[in-house]
Amino acid sequence: MHRGLENFIGEIDRSFNRITSGIIISSLILGSSLVMTLGAGPTIFGLPFFGILGFVLASVLGLWLGIVILKSGKF
């Protein structure tokens, strides 16, 4: 095993976590768009509840990811 690679491995791990979070957020946006287009499920104010819920969740997670990235100072 190579020595002195702990920092590099930590950076790779953090990068993969951010990529995974981005993929999950984009999946929520795409899924919510499909639900909004199809109009399936219960509605609130004429809009599909699950579509709105997906967009709200994606927005919160996206803001959280952006704050984490900005706080790290490495962007």
C-alpha atoms as a PDB file:
ATOM      1  CA  MET A   1       0.000   0.000   0.000  1.00  0.00           C
ATOM      2  CA  HIS A   2       1.249   3.493  -0.772  1.00  0.00           C
ATOM      3  CA  ARG A   3       1.903   5.866   2.078  1.00  0.00           C
ATOM      4  CA  GLY A   4       0.765   9.467   2.281  1.00  0.00           C
ATOM      5  CA  LEU A   5      -2.341   9.035   0.131  1.00  0.00           C
ATOM      6  CA  GLU A   6      -4.869   9.568   2.925  1.00  0.00           C
ATOM      7  CA  ASN A   7      -5.632  13.163   1.868  1.00  0.00           C
ATOM      8  CA  PHE A   8      -6.004  12.133  -1.771  1.00  0.00           C
ATOM      9  CA  ILE A   9      -8.325   9.273  -0.864  1.00  0.00           C
ATOM     10  CA  GLY A  10     -10.387  11.665   1.295  1.00  0.00           C
ATOM     11  CA  GLU A  11     -10.725  14.124  -1.598  1.00  0.00           C
ATOM     12  CA  ILE A  12     -11.774  11.349  -3.990  1.00  0.00           C
ATOM     13  CA  ASP A  13     -14.337  10.110  -1.471  1.00  0.00           C
ATOM     14  CA  ARG A  14     -15.771  13.612  -1.003  1.00  0.00           C
ATOM     15  CA  SER A  15     -15.908  14.145  -4.771  1.00  0.00           C
ATOM     16  CA  PHE A  16     -17.822  10.905  -5.313  1.00  0.00           C
ATOM     17  CA  ASN A  17     -20.275  11.862  -2.553  1.00  0.00           C
ATOM     18  CA  ARG A  18     -20.930  15.193  -4.288  1.00  0.00           C
ATOM     19  CA  ILE A  19     -21.378  13.518  -7.670  1.00  0.00           C
ATOM     20  CA  THR A  20     -23.785  10.998  -6.152  1.00  0.00           C
ATOM     21  CA  SER A  21     -25.768  13.804  -4.503  1.00  0.00           C
ATOM     22  CA  GLY A  22     -25.958  15.636  -7.832  1.00  0.00           C
ATOM     23  CA  ILE A  23     -27.233  12.531  -9.601  1.00  0.00           C
ATOM     24  CA  ILE A  24     -29.907  12.003  -6.940  1.00  0.00           C
ATOM     25  CA  ILE A  25     -31.007  15.649  -7.167  1.00  0.00           C
ATOM     26  CA  SER A  26     -31.197  15.530 -10.972  1.00  0.00           C
ATOM     27  CA  SER A  27     -33.211  12.300 -10.759  1.00  0.00           C
ATOM     28  CA  LEU A  28     -35.662  13.986  -8.416  1.00  0.00           C
ATOM     29  CA  ILE A  29     -36.039  16.878 -10.851  1.00  0.00           C
ATOM     30  CA  LEU A  30     -36.616  14.585 -13.829  1.00  0.00           C
ATOM     31  CA  GLY A  31     -39.057  12.374 -11.930  1.00  0.00           C
ATOM     32  CA  SER A  32     -40.971  15.357 -10.629  1.00  0.00           C
ATOM     33  CA  SER A  33     -41.176  16.796 -14.136  1.00  0.00           C
ATOM     34  CA  LEU A  34     -42.689  13.552 -15.390  1.00  0.00           C
ATOM     35  CA  VAL A  35     -45.226  13.497 -12.566  1.00  0.00           C
ATOM     36  CA  MET A  36     -46.148  17.134 -13.249  1.00  0.00           C
ATOM     37  CA  THR A  37     -46.556  16.413 -16.963  1.00  0.00           C
ATOM     38  CA  LEU A  38     -48.696  13.325 -16.421  1.00  0.00           C
ATOM     39  CA  GLY A  39     -50.755  14.915 -13.655  1.00  0.00           C
ATOM     40  CA  ALA A  40     -50.851  11.633 -11.745  1.00  0.00           C
ATOM     41  CA  GLY A  41     -51.775  11.262  -8.104  1.00  0.00           C
ATOM     42  CA  PRO A  42     -53.447  13.604  -5.668  1.00  0.00           C
ATOM     43  CA  THR A  43     -53.481  17.310  -6.451  1.00  0.00           C
ATOM     44  CA  ILE A  44     -53.044  20.515  -4.467  1.00  0.00           C
ATOM     45  CA  PHE A  45     -54.277  23.721  -6.114  1.00  0.00           C
ATOM     46  CA  GLY A  46     -54.598  21.748  -9.356  1.00  0.00           C
ATOM     47  CA  LEU A  47     -50.949  20.594  -9.311  1.00  0.00           C
ATOM     48  CA  PRO A  48     -49.771  17.039  -8.566  1.00  0.00           C
ATOM     49  CA  PHE A  49     -48.694  16.762  -4.920  1.00  0.00           C
ATOM     50  CA  PHE A  50     -45.819  14.352  -5.584  1.00  0.00           C
ATOM     51  CA  GLY A  51     -44.461  16.567  -8.347  1.00  0.00           C
ATOM     52  CA  ILE A  52     -44.399  19.567  -6.027  1.00  0.00           C
ATOM     53  CA  LEU A  53     -42.905  17.478  -3.219  1.00  0.00           C
ATOM     54  CA  GLY A  54     -40.126  16.266  -5.535  1.00  0.00           C
ATOM     55  CA  PHE A  55     -39.262  19.789  -6.655  1.00  0.00           C
ATOM     56  CA  VAL A  56     -39.207  21.062  -3.063  1.00  0.00           C
ATOM     57  CA  LEU A  57     -36.990  18.171  -1.957  1.00  0.00           C
ATOM     58  CA  ALA A  58     -34.650  18.666  -4.930  1.00  0.00           C
ATOM     59  CA  SER A  59     -34.446  22.400  -4.148  1.00  0.00           C
ATOM     60  CA  VAL A  60     -33.590  21.810  -0.497  1.00  0.00           C
ATOM     61  CA  LEU A  61     -30.970  19.180  -1.337  1.00  0.00           C
ATOM     62  CA  GLY A  62     -29.524  21.372  -4.100  1.00  0.00           C
ATOM     63  CA  LEU A  63     -29.209  24.352  -1.759  1.00  0.00           C
ATOM     64  CA  TRP A  64     -27.616  22.143   0.888  1.00  0.00           C
ATOM     65  CA  LEU A  65     -25.104  20.769  -1.636  1.00  0.00           C
ATOM     66  CA  GLY A  66     -24.287  24.268  -2.848  1.00  0.00           C
ATOM     67  CA  ILE A  67     -23.733  25.520   0.703  1.00  0.00           C
ATOM     68  CA  VAL A  68     -21.472  22.562   1.503  1.00  0.00           C
ATOM     69  CA  ILE A  69     -19.404  23.180  -1.621  1.00  0.00           C
ATOM     70  CA  LEU A  70     -19.115  26.919  -0.944  1.00  0.00           C
ATOM     71  CA  LYS A  71     -18.164  26.342   2.700  1.00  0.00           C
ATOM     72  CA  SER A  72     -15.380  23.970   1.692  1.00  0.00           C
ATOM     73  CA  GLY A  73     -13.754  26.717  -0.378  1.00  0.00           C
ATOM     74  CA  LYS A  74     -12.761  24.187  -3.038  1.00  0.00           C
ATOM     75  CA  PHE A  75     -14.873  24.777  -6.116  1.00  0.00           C
END
